[in-house]
PDB file of N, CA and C in Angstrom:
ATOM      1  N   MET A   1      28.481 -81.159 114.303  1.00  0.00           N
ATOM      2  CA  MET A   1      28.961 -81.514 112.982  1.00  0.00           C
ATOM      3  C   MET A   1      28.599 -80.420 111.967  1.00  0.00           C
ATOM      4  N   ASP A   2      27.380 -79.881 112.097  1.00  0.00           N
ATOM      5  CA  ASP A   2      26.963 -78.814 111.186  1.00  0.00           C
ATOM      6  C   ASP A   2      27.859 -77.589 111.319  1.00  0.00           C
ATOM      7  N   GLU A   3      28.252 -77.292 112.566  1.00  0.00           N
ATOM      8  CA  GLU A   3      29.127 -76.142 112.817  1.00  0.00           C
ATOM      9  C   GLU A   3      30.487 -76.353 112.153  1.00  0.00           C
ATOM     10  N   LEU A   4      31.026 -77.568 112.260  1.00  0.00           N
ATOM     11  CA  LEU A   4      32.311 -77.887 111.640  1.00  0.00           C
ATOM     12  C   LEU A   4      32.231 -77.771 110.123  1.00  0.00           C
ATOM     13  N   LEU A   5      31.160 -78.292 109.534  1.00  0.00           N
ATOM     14  CA  LEU A   5      30.983 -78.207 108.084  1.00  0.00           C
ATOM     15  C   LEU A   5      30.851 -76.758 107.629  1.00  0.00           C
ATOM     16  N   ALA A   6      30.139 -75.945 108.400  1.00  0.00           N
ATOM     17  CA  ALA A   6      29.982 -74.528 108.054  1.00  0.00           C
ATOM     18  C   ALA A   6      31.326 -73.808 108.111  1.00  0.00           C
ATOM     19  N   LYS A   7      32.142 -74.113 109.131  1.00  0.00           N
ATOM     20  CA  LYS A   7      33.468 -73.497 109.234  1.00  0.00           C
ATOM     21  C   LYS A   7      34.345 -73.915 108.068  1.00  0.00           C
ATOM     22  N   ASN A   8      34.316 -75.201 107.722  1.00  0.00           N
ATOM     23  CA  ASN A   8      35.134 -75.672 106.602  1.00  0.00           C
ATOM     24  C   ASN A   8      34.691 -75.043 105.292  1.00  0.00           C
ATOM     25  N   LYS A   9      33.391 -74.865 105.109  1.00  0.00           N
ATOM     26  CA  LYS A   9      32.903 -74.222 103.895  1.00  0.00           C
ATOM     27  C   LYS A   9      33.405 -72.782 103.810  1.00  0.00           C
ATOM     28  N   LYS A  10      33.382 -72.081 104.943  1.00  0.00           N
ATOM     29  CA  LYS A  10      33.865 -70.697 104.976  1.00  0.00           C
ATOM     30  C   LYS A  10      35.350 -70.649 104.610  1.00  0.00           C
ATOM     31  N   MET A  11      36.140 -71.565 105.152  1.00  0.00           N
ATOM     32  CA  MET A  11      37.572 -71.588 104.855  1.00  0.00           C
ATOM     33  C   MET A  11      37.822 -71.952 103.391  1.00  0.00           C
ATOM     34  N   GLU A  12      37.016 -72.859 102.843  1.00  0.00           N
ATOM     35  CA  GLU A  12      37.151 -73.188 101.419  1.00  0.00           C
ATOM     36  C   GLU A  12      36.875 -71.957 100.562  1.00  0.00           C
ATOM     37  N   GLU A  13      35.852 -71.186 100.930  1.00  0.00           N
ATOM     38  CA  GLU A  13      35.528 -69.961 100.198  1.00  0.00           C
ATOM     39  C   GLU A  13      36.676 -68.961 100.285  1.00  0.00           C
ATOM     40  N   MET A  14      37.365 -68.937 101.443  1.00  0.00           N
ATOM     41  CA  MET A  14      38.502 -68.040 101.612  1.00  0.00           C
ATOM     42  C   MET A  14      39.729 -68.560 100.870  1.00  0.00           C
ATOM     43  N   GLY A  15      39.729 -69.841 100.530  1.00  0.00           N
ATOM     44  CA  GLY A  15      40.829 -70.409  99.761  1.00  0.00           C
ATOM     45  C   GLY A  15      41.996 -70.931 100.574  1.00  0.00           C
ATOM     46  N   TRP A  16      41.836 -71.075 101.886  1.00  0.00           N
ATOM     47  CA  TRP A  16      42.930 -71.607 102.703  1.00  0.00           C
ATOM     48  C   TRP A  16      43.226 -73.045 102.294  1.00  0.00           C
ATOM     49  N   GLN A  17      44.502 -73.379 102.287  1.00  0.00           N
ATOM     50  CA  GLN A  17      44.927 -74.739 101.978  1.00  0.00           C
ATOM     51  C   GLN A  17      45.997 -75.157 102.982  1.00  0.00           C
ATOM     52  N   LEU A  18      45.994 -76.429 103.349  1.00  0.00           N
ATOM     53  CA  LEU A  18      47.034 -76.973 104.211  1.00  0.00           C
ATOM     54  C   LEU A  18      47.795 -78.025 103.422  1.00  0.00           C
ATOM     55  N   LYS A  19      49.071 -77.780 103.262  1.00  0.00           N
ATOM     56  CA  LYS A  19      49.942 -78.720 102.561  1.00  0.00           C
ATOM     57  C   LYS A  19      50.785 -79.421 103.624  1.00  0.00           C
ATOM     58  N   THR A  20      50.677 -80.739 103.704  1.00  0.00           N
ATOM     59  CA  THR A  20      51.405 -81.467 104.735  1.00  0.00           C
ATOM     60  C   THR A  20      52.470 -82.368 104.126  1.00  0.00           C
ATOM     61  N   GLU A  21      53.576 -82.453 104.825  1.00  0.00           N
ATOM     62  CA  GLU A  21      54.633 -83.393 104.478  1.00  0.00           C
ATOM     63  C   GLU A  21      54.764 -84.337 105.661  1.00  0.00           C
ATOM     64  N   LEU A  22      54.326 -85.550 105.442  1.00  0.00           N
ATOM     65  CA  LEU A  22      54.341 -86.548 106.496  1.00  0.00           C
ATOM     66  C   LEU A  22      55.047 -87.785 105.949  1.00  0.00           C
ATOM     67  N   PRO A  23      56.216 -88.086 106.458  1.00  0.00           N
ATOM     68  CA  PRO A  23      56.944 -89.254 105.954  1.00  0.00           C
ATOM     69  C   PRO A  23      56.229 -90.539 106.352  1.00  0.00           C
ATOM     70  N   VAL A  24      56.681 -91.660 105.802  1.00  0.00           N
ATOM     71  CA  VAL A  24      56.180 -92.953 106.247  1.00  0.00           C
ATOM     72  C   VAL A  24      56.634 -93.122 107.687  1.00  0.00           C
ATOM     73  N   LEU A  25      55.688 -93.232 108.590  1.00  0.00           N
ATOM     74  CA  LEU A  25      56.008 -93.299 110.004  1.00  0.00           C
ATOM     75  C   LEU A  25      56.117 -94.745 110.470  1.00  0.00           C
ATOM     76  N   LEU A  26      57.136 -94.994 111.286  1.00  0.00           N
ATOM     77  CA  LEU A  26      57.369 -96.326 111.831  1.00  0.00           C
ATOM     78  C   LEU A  26      57.120 -96.307 113.333  1.00  0.00           C
ATOM     79  N   GLU A  27      56.569 -97.395 113.856  1.00  0.00           N
ATOM     80  CA  GLU A  27      56.293 -97.533 115.277  1.00  0.00           C
ATOM     81  C   GLU A  27      57.531 -97.220 116.112  1.00  0.00           C
ATOM     82  N   GLY A  28      57.389 -96.259 117.043  1.00  0.00           N
ATOM     83  CA  GLY A  28      58.458 -95.923 117.971  1.00  0.00           C
ATOM     84  C   GLY A  28      59.607 -95.117 117.402  1.00  0.00           C
ATOM     85  N   LYS A  29      59.561 -94.737 116.118  1.00  0.00           N
ATOM     86  CA  LYS A  29      60.650 -93.986 115.495  1.00  0.00           C
ATOM     87  C   LYS A  29      60.222 -92.526 115.290  1.00  0.00           C
ATOM     88  N   ALA A  30      61.027 -91.604 115.799  1.00  0.00           N
ATOM     89  CA  ALA A  30      60.720 -90.179 115.649  1.00  0.00           C
ATOM     90  C   ALA A  30      61.010 -89.717 114.222  1.00  0.00           C
ATOM     91  N   ASP A  31      60.157 -88.854 113.728  1.00  0.00           N
ATOM     92  CA  ASP A  31      60.342 -88.229 112.424  1.00  0.00           C
ATOM     93  C   ASP A  31      59.735 -86.839 112.501  1.00  0.00           C
ATOM     94  N   THR A  32      59.753 -86.101 111.408  1.00  0.00           N
ATOM     95  CA  THR A  32      59.265 -84.724 111.422  1.00  0.00           C
ATOM     96  C   THR A  32      58.041 -84.571 110.529  1.00  0.00           C
ATOM     97  N   VAL A  33      57.027 -83.917 111.068  1.00  0.00           N
ATOM     98  CA  VAL A  33      55.853 -83.544 110.294  1.00  0.00           C
ATOM     99  C   VAL A  33      55.977 -82.058 109.977  1.00  0.00           C
ATOM    100  N   THR A  34      55.665 -81.692 108.720  1.00  0.00           N
ATOM    101  CA  THR A  34      55.739 -80.304 108.281  1.00  0.00           C
ATOM    102  C   THR A  34      54.396 -79.900 107.681  1.00  0.00           C
ATOM    103  N   LEU A  35      53.975 -78.704 107.993  1.00  0.00           N
ATOM    104  CA  LEU A  35      52.702 -78.175 107.520  1.00  0.00           C
ATOM    105  C   LEU A  35      52.950 -76.795 106.940  1.00  0.00           C
ATOM    106  N   GLN A  36      52.353 -76.520 105.771  1.00  0.00           N
ATOM    107  CA  GLN A  36      52.447 -75.181 105.204  1.00  0.00           C
ATOM    108  C   GLN A  36      51.046 -74.694 104.885  1.00  0.00           C
ATOM    109  N   VAL A  37      50.774 -73.452 105.244  1.00  0.00           N
ATOM    110  CA  VAL A  37      49.475 -72.833 105.019  1.00  0.00           C
ATOM    111  C   VAL A  37      49.583 -71.957 103.777  1.00  0.00           C
ATOM    112  N   LEU A  38      48.666 -72.192 102.826  1.00  0.00           N
ATOM    113  CA  LEU A  38      48.661 -71.444 101.573  1.00  0.00           C
ATOM    114  C   LEU A  38      47.347 -70.699 101.409  1.00  0.00           C
ATOM    115  N   ASP A  39      47.408 -69.567 100.703  1.00  0.00           N
ATOM    116  CA  ASP A  39      46.196 -68.798 100.438  1.00  0.00           C
ATOM    117  C   ASP A  39      45.572 -69.234  99.116  1.00  0.00           C
ATOM    118  N   LYS A  40      44.578 -68.482  98.669  1.00  0.00           N
ATOM    119  CA  LYS A  40      43.836 -68.804  97.449  1.00  0.00           C
ATOM    120  C   LYS A  40      44.731 -68.843  96.200  1.00  0.00           C
ATOM    121  N   GLN A  41      45.802 -68.047  96.205  1.00  0.00           N
ATOM    122  CA  GLN A  41      46.721 -68.004  95.056  1.00  0.00           C
ATOM    123  C   GLN A  41      47.905 -68.957  95.233  1.00  0.00           C
ATOM    124  N   ASN A  42      47.788 -69.923  96.156  1.00  0.00           N
ATOM    125  CA  ASN A  42      48.856 -70.893  96.449  1.00  0.00           C
ATOM    126  C   ASN A  42      50.121 -70.236  96.984  1.00  0.00           C
ATOM    127  N   GLN A  43      49.968 -69.100  97.639  1.00  0.00           N
ATOM    128  CA  GLN A  43      51.102 -68.410  98.239  1.00  0.00           C
ATOM    129  C   GLN A  43      51.106 -68.669  99.751  1.00  0.00           C
ATOM    130  N   PRO A  44      52.280 -68.828 100.346  1.00  0.00           N
ATOM    131  CA  PRO A  44      52.341 -69.023 101.797  1.00  0.00           C
ATOM    132  C   PRO A  44      51.693 -67.849 102.524  1.00  0.00           C
ATOM    133  N   MET A  45      50.990 -68.165 103.605  1.00  0.00           N
ATOM    134  CA  MET A  45      50.342 -67.102 104.371  1.00  0.00           C
ATOM    135  C   MET A  45      50.642 -67.265 105.855  1.00  0.00           C
ATOM    136  N   ALA A  46      50.697 -66.155 106.536  1.00  0.00           N
ATOM    137  CA  ALA A  46      50.981 -66.159 107.973  1.00  0.00           C
ATOM    138  C   ALA A  46      49.727 -66.536 108.748  1.00  0.00           C
ATOM    139  N   VAL A  47      49.904 -67.397 109.729  1.00  0.00           N
ATOM    140  CA  VAL A  47      48.842 -67.728 110.675  1.00  0.00           C
ATOM    141  C   VAL A  47      49.450 -67.673 112.077  1.00  0.00           C
ATOM    142  N   ASP A  48      48.585 -67.654 113.072  1.00  0.00           N
ATOM    143  CA  ASP A  48      49.048 -67.501 114.446  1.00  0.00           C
ATOM    144  C   ASP A  48      49.537 -68.794 115.083  1.00  0.00           C
ATOM    145  N   ASN A  49      48.918 -69.911 114.706  1.00  0.00           N
ATOM    146  CA  ASN A  49      49.115 -71.125 115.469  1.00  0.00           C
ATOM    147  C   ASN A  49      48.843 -72.354 114.606  1.00  0.00           C
ATOM    148  N   ALA A  50      49.530 -73.461 114.880  1.00  0.00           N
ATOM    149  CA  ALA A  50      49.269 -74.728 114.196  1.00  0.00           C
ATOM    150  C   ALA A  50      49.391 -75.867 115.214  1.00  0.00           C
ATOM    151  N   ILE A  51      48.371 -76.716 115.247  1.00  0.00           N
ATOM    152  CA  ILE A  51      48.333 -77.847 116.170  1.00  0.00           C
ATOM    153  C   ILE A  51      47.973 -79.103 115.391  1.00  0.00           C
ATOM    154  N   LEU A  52      48.615 -80.199 115.740  1.00  0.00           N
ATOM    155  CA  LEU A  52      48.286 -81.506 115.176  1.00  0.00           C
ATOM    156  C   LEU A  52      47.646 -82.332 116.281  1.00  0.00           C
ATOM    157  N   TYR A  53      46.397 -82.734 116.055  1.00  0.00           N
ATOM    158  CA  TYR A  53      45.715 -83.624 116.993  1.00  0.00           C
ATOM    159  C   TYR A  53      45.814 -85.037 116.434  1.00  0.00           C
ATOM    160  N   PHE A  54      46.091 -86.016 117.299  1.00  0.00           N
ATOM    161  CA  PHE A  54      46.166 -87.395 116.830  1.00  0.00           C
ATOM    162  C   PHE A  54      45.277 -88.283 117.696  1.00  0.00           C
ATOM    163  N   TYR A  55      44.617 -89.214 117.017  1.00  0.00           N
ATOM    164  CA  TYR A  55      43.646 -90.086 117.663  1.00  0.00           C
ATOM    165  C   TYR A  55      43.923 -91.536 117.278  1.00  0.00           C
ATOM    166  N   ARG A  56      43.879 -92.393 118.252  1.00  0.00           N
ATOM    167  CA  ARG A  56      44.034 -93.828 118.032  1.00  0.00           C
ATOM    168  C   ARG A  56      42.636 -94.434 118.161  1.00  0.00           C
ATOM    169  N   PRO A  57      41.990 -94.791 117.044  1.00  0.00           N
ATOM    170  CA  PRO A  57      40.609 -95.280 117.109  1.00  0.00           C
ATOM    171  C   PRO A  57      40.411 -96.455 118.070  1.00  0.00           C
ATOM    172  N   SER A  58      41.430 -97.304 118.227  1.00  0.00           N
ATOM    173  CA  SER A  58      41.262 -98.486 119.070  1.00  0.00           C
ATOM    174  C   SER A  58      41.665 -98.271 120.536  1.00  0.00           C
ATOM    175  N   ASP A  59      42.219 -97.077 120.866  1.00  0.00           N
ATOM    176  CA  ASP A  59      42.654 -96.850 122.244  1.00  0.00           C
ATOM    177  C   ASP A  59      42.729 -95.351 122.532  1.00  0.00           C
ATOM    178  N   ARG A  60      41.672 -94.809 123.096  1.00  0.00           N
ATOM    179  CA  ARG A  60      41.591 -93.366 123.370  1.00  0.00           C
ATOM    180  C   ARG A  60      42.684 -92.857 124.304  1.00  0.00           C
ATOM    181  N   LYS A  61      43.266 -93.732 125.112  1.00  0.00           N
ATOM    182  CA  LYS A  61      44.302 -93.302 126.047  1.00  0.00           C
ATOM    183  C   LYS A  61      45.555 -92.806 125.315  1.00  0.00           C
ATOM    184  N   LEU A  62      45.694 -93.142 124.039  1.00  0.00           N
ATOM    185  CA  LEU A  62      46.858 -92.727 123.267  1.00  0.00           C
ATOM    186  C   LEU A  62      46.618 -91.433 122.483  1.00  0.00           C
ATOM    187  N   ASP A  63      45.403 -90.889 122.553  1.00  0.00           N
ATOM    188  CA  ASP A  63      45.080 -89.643 121.851  1.00  0.00           C
ATOM    189  C   ASP A  63      45.901 -88.495 122.440  1.00  0.00           C
ATOM    190  N   GLY A  64      46.183 -87.507 121.607  1.00  0.00           N
ATOM    191  CA  GLY A  64      46.930 -86.359 122.104  1.00  0.00           C
ATOM    192  C   GLY A  64      47.005 -85.240 121.084  1.00  0.00           C
ATOM    193  N   GLN A  65      47.845 -84.286 121.369  1.00  0.00           N
ATOM    194  CA  GLN A  65      48.038 -83.161 120.462  1.00  0.00           C
ATOM    195  C   GLN A  65      49.489 -82.734 120.494  1.00  0.00           C
ATOM    196  N   LEU A  66      49.890 -82.084 119.428  1.00  0.00           N
ATOM    197  CA  LEU A  66      51.262 -81.647 119.267  1.00  0.00           C
ATOM    198  C   LEU A  66      51.256 -80.221 118.737  1.00  0.00           C
ATOM    199  N   GLN A  67      51.848 -79.306 119.482  1.00  0.00           N
ATOM    200  CA  GLN A  67      51.976 -77.914 119.040  1.00  0.00           C
ATOM    201  C   GLN A  67      53.096 -77.844 118.017  1.00  0.00           C
ATOM    202  N   LEU A  68      52.801 -77.383 116.809  1.00  0.00           N
ATOM    203  CA  LEU A  68      53.829 -77.229 115.795  1.00  0.00           C
ATOM    204  C   LEU A  68      54.503 -75.876 115.961  1.00  0.00           C
ATOM    205  N   THR A  69      55.770 -75.810 115.608  1.00  0.00           N
ATOM    206  CA  THR A  69      56.570 -74.603 115.752  1.00  0.00           C
ATOM    207  C   THR A  69      56.778 -73.960 114.389  1.00  0.00           C
ATOM    208  N   ALA A  70      56.672 -72.640 114.339  1.00  0.00           N
ATOM    209  CA  ALA A  70      56.915 -71.924 113.085  1.00  0.00           C
ATOM    210  C   ALA A  70      58.348 -72.168 112.617  1.00  0.00           C
ATOM    211  N   VAL A  71      58.501 -72.439 111.319  1.00  0.00           N
ATOM    212  CA  VAL A  71      59.828 -72.647 110.737  1.00  0.00           C
ATOM    213  C   VAL A  71      60.412 -71.270 110.439  1.00  0.00           C
ATOM    214  N   GLU A  72      61.543 -70.977 111.043  1.00  0.00           N
ATOM    215  CA  GLU A  72      62.165 -69.670 110.883  1.00  0.00           C
ATOM    216  C   GLU A  72      62.499 -69.393 109.419  1.00  0.00           C
ATOM    217  N   GLY A  73      62.085 -68.223 108.944  1.00  0.00           N
ATOM    218  CA  GLY A  73      62.394 -67.806 107.591  1.00  0.00           C
ATOM    219  C   GLY A  73      61.462 -68.359 106.522  1.00  0.00           C
ATOM    220  N   GLU A  74      60.446 -69.142 106.916  1.00  0.00           N
ATOM    221  CA  GLU A  74      59.493 -69.700 105.946  1.00  0.00           C
ATOM    222  C   GLU A  74      58.080 -69.314 106.362  1.00  0.00           C
ATOM    223  N   LEU A  75      57.498 -68.368 105.655  1.00  0.00           N
ATOM    224  CA  LEU A  75      56.160 -67.880 105.950  1.00  0.00           C
ATOM    225  C   LEU A  75      55.144 -69.023 105.900  1.00  0.00           C
ATOM    226  N   GLY A  76      54.330 -69.130 106.930  1.00  0.00           N
ATOM    227  CA  GLY A  76      53.248 -70.110 106.959  1.00  0.00           C
ATOM    228  C   GLY A  76      53.674 -71.551 107.141  1.00  0.00           C
ATOM    229  N   ALA A  77      54.952 -71.797 107.442  1.00  0.00           N
ATOM    230  CA  ALA A  77      55.445 -73.168 107.601  1.00  0.00           C
ATOM    231  C   ALA A  77      55.632 -73.499 109.073  1.00  0.00           C
ATOM    232  N   PHE A  78      55.233 -74.706 109.437  1.00  0.00           N
ATOM    233  CA  PHE A  78      55.330 -75.190 110.809  1.00  0.00           C
ATOM    234  C   PHE A  78      55.843 -76.620 110.781  1.00  0.00           C
ATOM    235  N   SER A  79      56.548 -77.014 111.836  1.00  0.00           N
ATOM    236  CA  SER A  79      57.014 -78.397 111.917  1.00  0.00           C
ATOM    237  C   SER A  79      57.173 -78.813 113.370  1.00  0.00           C
ATOM    238  N   ALA A  80      57.298 -80.124 113.571  1.00  0.00           N
ATOM    239  CA  ALA A  80      57.537 -80.676 114.901  1.00  0.00           C
ATOM    240  C   ALA A  80      57.935 -82.133 114.752  1.00  0.00           C
ATOM    241  N   PRO A  81      58.745 -82.623 115.684  1.00  0.00           N
ATOM    242  CA  PRO A  81      59.041 -84.052 115.686  1.00  0.00           C
ATOM    243  C   PRO A  81      57.819 -84.818 116.189  1.00  0.00           C
ATOM    244  N   ILE A  82      57.622 -86.005 115.633  1.00  0.00           N
ATOM    245  CA  ILE A  82      56.474 -86.817 116.032  1.00  0.00           C
ATOM    246  C   ILE A  82      56.876 -88.282 116.072  1.00  0.00           C
ATOM    247  N   SER A  83      56.269 -89.011 116.984  1.00  0.00           N
ATOM    248  CA  SER A  83      56.523 -90.438 117.115  1.00  0.00           C
ATOM    249  C   SER A  83      55.250 -91.098 117.625  1.00  0.00           C
ATOM    250  N   PHE A  84      54.909 -92.238 117.065  1.00  0.00           N
ATOM    251  CA  PHE A  84      53.746 -92.985 117.513  1.00  0.00           C
ATOM    252  C   PHE A  84      54.202 -94.286 118.170  1.00  0.00           C
ATOM    253  N   PRO A  85      53.656 -94.601 119.353  1.00  0.00           N
ATOM    254  CA  PRO A  85      54.128 -95.757 120.102  1.00  0.00           C
ATOM    255  C   PRO A  85      53.669 -97.107 119.555  1.00  0.00           C
ATOM    256  N   LEU A  86      52.617 -97.095 118.725  1.00  0.00           N
ATOM    257  CA  LEU A  86      52.085 -98.354 118.204  1.00  0.00           C
ATOM    258  C   LEU A  86      51.832 -98.273 116.707  1.00  0.00           C
ATOM    259  N   LYS A  87      52.041 -99.384 116.031  1.00  0.00           N
ATOM    260  CA  LYS A  87      51.713 -99.454 114.608  1.00  0.00           C
ATOM    261  C   LYS A  87      50.198 -99.506 114.458  1.00  0.00           C
ATOM    262  N   GLY A  88      49.743 -99.256 113.249  1.00  0.00           N
ATOM    263  CA  GLY A  88      48.318 -99.331 112.963  1.00  0.00           C
ATOM    264  C   GLY A  88      47.736 -97.993 112.565  1.00  0.00           C
ATOM    265  N   LYS A  89      46.418 -97.940 112.566  1.00  0.00           N
ATOM    266  CA  LYS A  89      45.695 -96.752 112.097  1.00  0.00           C
ATOM    267  C   LYS A  89      45.660 -95.652 113.151  1.00  0.00           C
ATOM    268  N   TRP A  90      45.944 -94.436 112.699  1.00  0.00           N
ATOM    269  CA  TRP A  90      45.840 -93.218 113.504  1.00  0.00           C
ATOM    270  C   TRP A  90      45.090 -92.185 112.669  1.00  0.00           C
ATOM    271  N   ASP A  91      44.250 -91.413 113.316  1.00  0.00           N
ATOM    272  CA  ASP A  91      43.560 -90.308 112.654  1.00  0.00           C
ATOM    273  C   ASP A  91      44.217 -89.005 113.087  1.00  0.00           C
ATOM    274  N   LEU A  92      44.432 -88.119 112.118  1.00  0.00           N
ATOM    275  CA  LEU A  92      45.085 -86.840 112.381  1.00  0.00           C
ATOM    276  C   LEU A  92      44.159 -85.696 111.995  1.00  0.00           C
ATOM    277  N   ILE A  93      44.207 -84.628 112.777  1.00  0.00           N
ATOM    278  CA  ILE A  93      43.548 -83.374 112.412  1.00  0.00           C
ATOM    279  C   ILE A  93      44.582 -82.276 112.558  1.00  0.00           C
ATOM    280  N   MET A  94      44.856 -81.585 111.456  1.00  0.00           N
ATOM    281  CA  MET A  94      45.753 -80.446 111.466  1.00  0.00           C
ATOM    282  C   MET A  94      44.897 -79.190 111.573  1.00  0.00           C
ATOM    283  N   GLU A  95      45.204 -78.345 112.537  1.00  0.00           N
ATOM    284  CA  GLU A  95      44.391 -77.158 112.784  1.00  0.00           C
ATOM    285  C   GLU A  95      45.283 -75.924 112.811  1.00  0.00           C
ATOM    286  N   VAL A  96      44.873 -74.897 112.071  1.00  0.00           N
ATOM    287  CA  VAL A  96      45.584 -73.622 112.104  1.00  0.00           C
ATOM    288  C   VAL A  96      44.591 -72.520 112.472  1.00  0.00           C
ATOM    289  N   THR A  97      45.111 -71.511 113.172  1.00  0.00           N
ATOM    290  CA  THR A  97      44.264 -70.383 113.546  1.00  0.00           C
ATOM    291  C   THR A  97      44.932 -69.082 113.140  1.00  0.00           C
ATOM    292  N   GLN A  98      44.077 -68.142 112.782  1.00  0.00           N
ATOM    293  CA  GLN A  98      44.519 -66.783 112.487  1.00  0.00           C
ATOM    294  C   GLN A  98      43.461 -65.875 113.108  1.00  0.00           C
ATOM    295  N   GLY A  99      43.816 -65.259 114.226  1.00  0.00           N
ATOM    296  CA  GLY A  99      42.821 -64.481 114.957  1.00  0.00           C
ATOM    297  C   GLY A  99      41.725 -65.414 115.439  1.00  0.00           C
ATOM    298  N   GLU A 100      40.483 -65.102 115.078  1.00  0.00           N
ATOM    299  CA  GLU A 100      39.355 -65.952 115.463  1.00  0.00           C
ATOM    300  C   GLU A 100      39.029 -67.007 114.419  1.00  0.00           C
ATOM    301  N   LEU A 101      39.710 -66.973 113.282  1.00  0.00           N
ATOM    302  CA  LEU A 101      39.458 -67.950 112.225  1.00  0.00           C
ATOM    303  C   LEU A 101      40.206 -69.243 112.516  1.00  0.00           C
ATOM    304  N   VAL A 102      39.516 -70.361 112.325  1.00  0.00           N
ATOM    305  CA  VAL A 102      40.100 -71.675 112.551  1.00  0.00           C
ATOM    306  C   VAL A 102      39.838 -72.526 111.324  1.00  0.00           C
ATOM    307  N   PHE A 103      40.885 -73.203 110.851  1.00  0.00           N
ATOM    308  CA  PHE A 103      40.742 -74.105 109.715  1.00  0.00           C
ATOM    309  C   PHE A 103      41.387 -75.425 110.090  1.00  0.00           C
ATOM    310  N   ASN A 104      40.715 -76.519 109.757  1.00  0.00           N
ATOM    311  CA  ASN A 104      41.327 -77.802 110.024  1.00  0.00           C
ATOM    312  C   ASN A 104      41.097 -78.781 108.883  1.00  0.00           C
ATOM    313  N   MET A 105      41.970 -79.763 108.830  1.00  0.00           N
ATOM    314  CA  MET A 105      41.909 -80.785 107.799  1.00  0.00           C
ATOM    315  C   MET A 105      42.275 -82.112 108.461  1.00  0.00           C
ATOM    316  N   GLY A 106      41.536 -83.140 108.154  1.00  0.00           N
ATOM    317  CA  GLY A 106      41.797 -84.445 108.742  1.00  0.00           C
ATOM    318  C   GLY A 106      42.244 -85.467 107.724  1.00  0.00           C
ATOM    319  N   ARG A 107      42.927 -86.479 108.225  1.00  0.00           N
ATOM    320  CA  ARG A 107      43.307 -87.611 107.389  1.00  0.00           C
ATOM    321  C   ARG A 107      43.677 -88.776 108.291  1.00  0.00           C
ATOM    322  N   SER A 108      43.642 -89.948 107.744  1.00  0.00           N
ATOM    323  CA  SER A 108      44.056 -91.157 108.463  1.00  0.00           C
ATOM    324  C   SER A 108      45.387 -91.619 107.913  1.00  0.00           C
ATOM    325  N   ILE A 109      46.202 -92.178 108.797  1.00  0.00           N
ATOM    326  CA  ILE A 109      47.507 -92.712 108.382  1.00  0.00           C
ATOM    327  C   ILE A 109      47.677 -94.108 108.970  1.00  0.00           C
ATOM    328  N   MET A 110      48.614 -94.837 108.407  1.00  0.00           N
ATOM    329  CA  MET A 110      48.989 -96.137 108.957  1.00  0.00           C
ATOM    330  C   MET A 110      50.440 -96.041 109.404  1.00  0.00           C
ATOM    331  N   VAL A 111      50.674 -96.277 110.680  1.00  0.00           N
ATOM    332  CA  VAL A 111      52.033 -96.353 111.209  1.00  0.00           C
ATOM    333  C   VAL A 111      52.475 -97.790 111.024  1.00  0.00           C
ATOM    334  N   LYS A 112      53.668 -97.954 110.459  1.00  0.00           N
ATOM    335  CA  LYS A 112      54.142 -99.289 110.087  1.00  0.00           C
ATOM    336  C   LYS A 112      55.062 -99.896 111.138  1.00  0.00           C
ATOM    337  N   ASP A 113      55.160-101.200 111.081  1.00  0.00           N
ATOM    338  CA  ASP A 113      56.076-101.956 111.928  1.00  0.00           C
ATOM    339  C   ASP A 113      57.496-101.638 111.465  1.00  0.00           C
ATOM    340  N   PRO A 114      58.431-101.373 112.377  1.00  0.00           N
ATOM    341  CA  PRO A 114      59.783-100.993 111.962  1.00  0.00           C
ATOM    342  C   PRO A 114      60.592-102.110 111.300  1.00  0.00           C
ATOM    343  N   GLU A 115      60.108-103.316 111.351  1.00  0.00           N
ATOM    344  CA  GLU A 115      60.863-104.437 110.751  1.00  0.00           C
ATOM    345  C   GLU A 115      60.606-104.581 109.287  1.00  0.00           C
TER     346      GLU A 115
END
């Protein structure tokens, strides 16, 4: 945990920001998640890789990861289709890498019943 906090502090000092666009997600319905990496001046920045890790607190068998794809013509932008099989709470960690530098940001979401 100390190592993670130290890495996040270093990235905060560097000014990296992750801007996410995540629609209201419905159980079993595919949608698109978009991530943009910004520098200290709020300008898009190039990174090597972006991954979305997802965790289901009540059922580890549903945990996984999703490789995001660079959006052509948009510096620092990544997207991918995503779908969750069950409604309820999911924890997400968005991770980007540039060389040996790694930055991640977490958040929890609620996937809703499609009805």
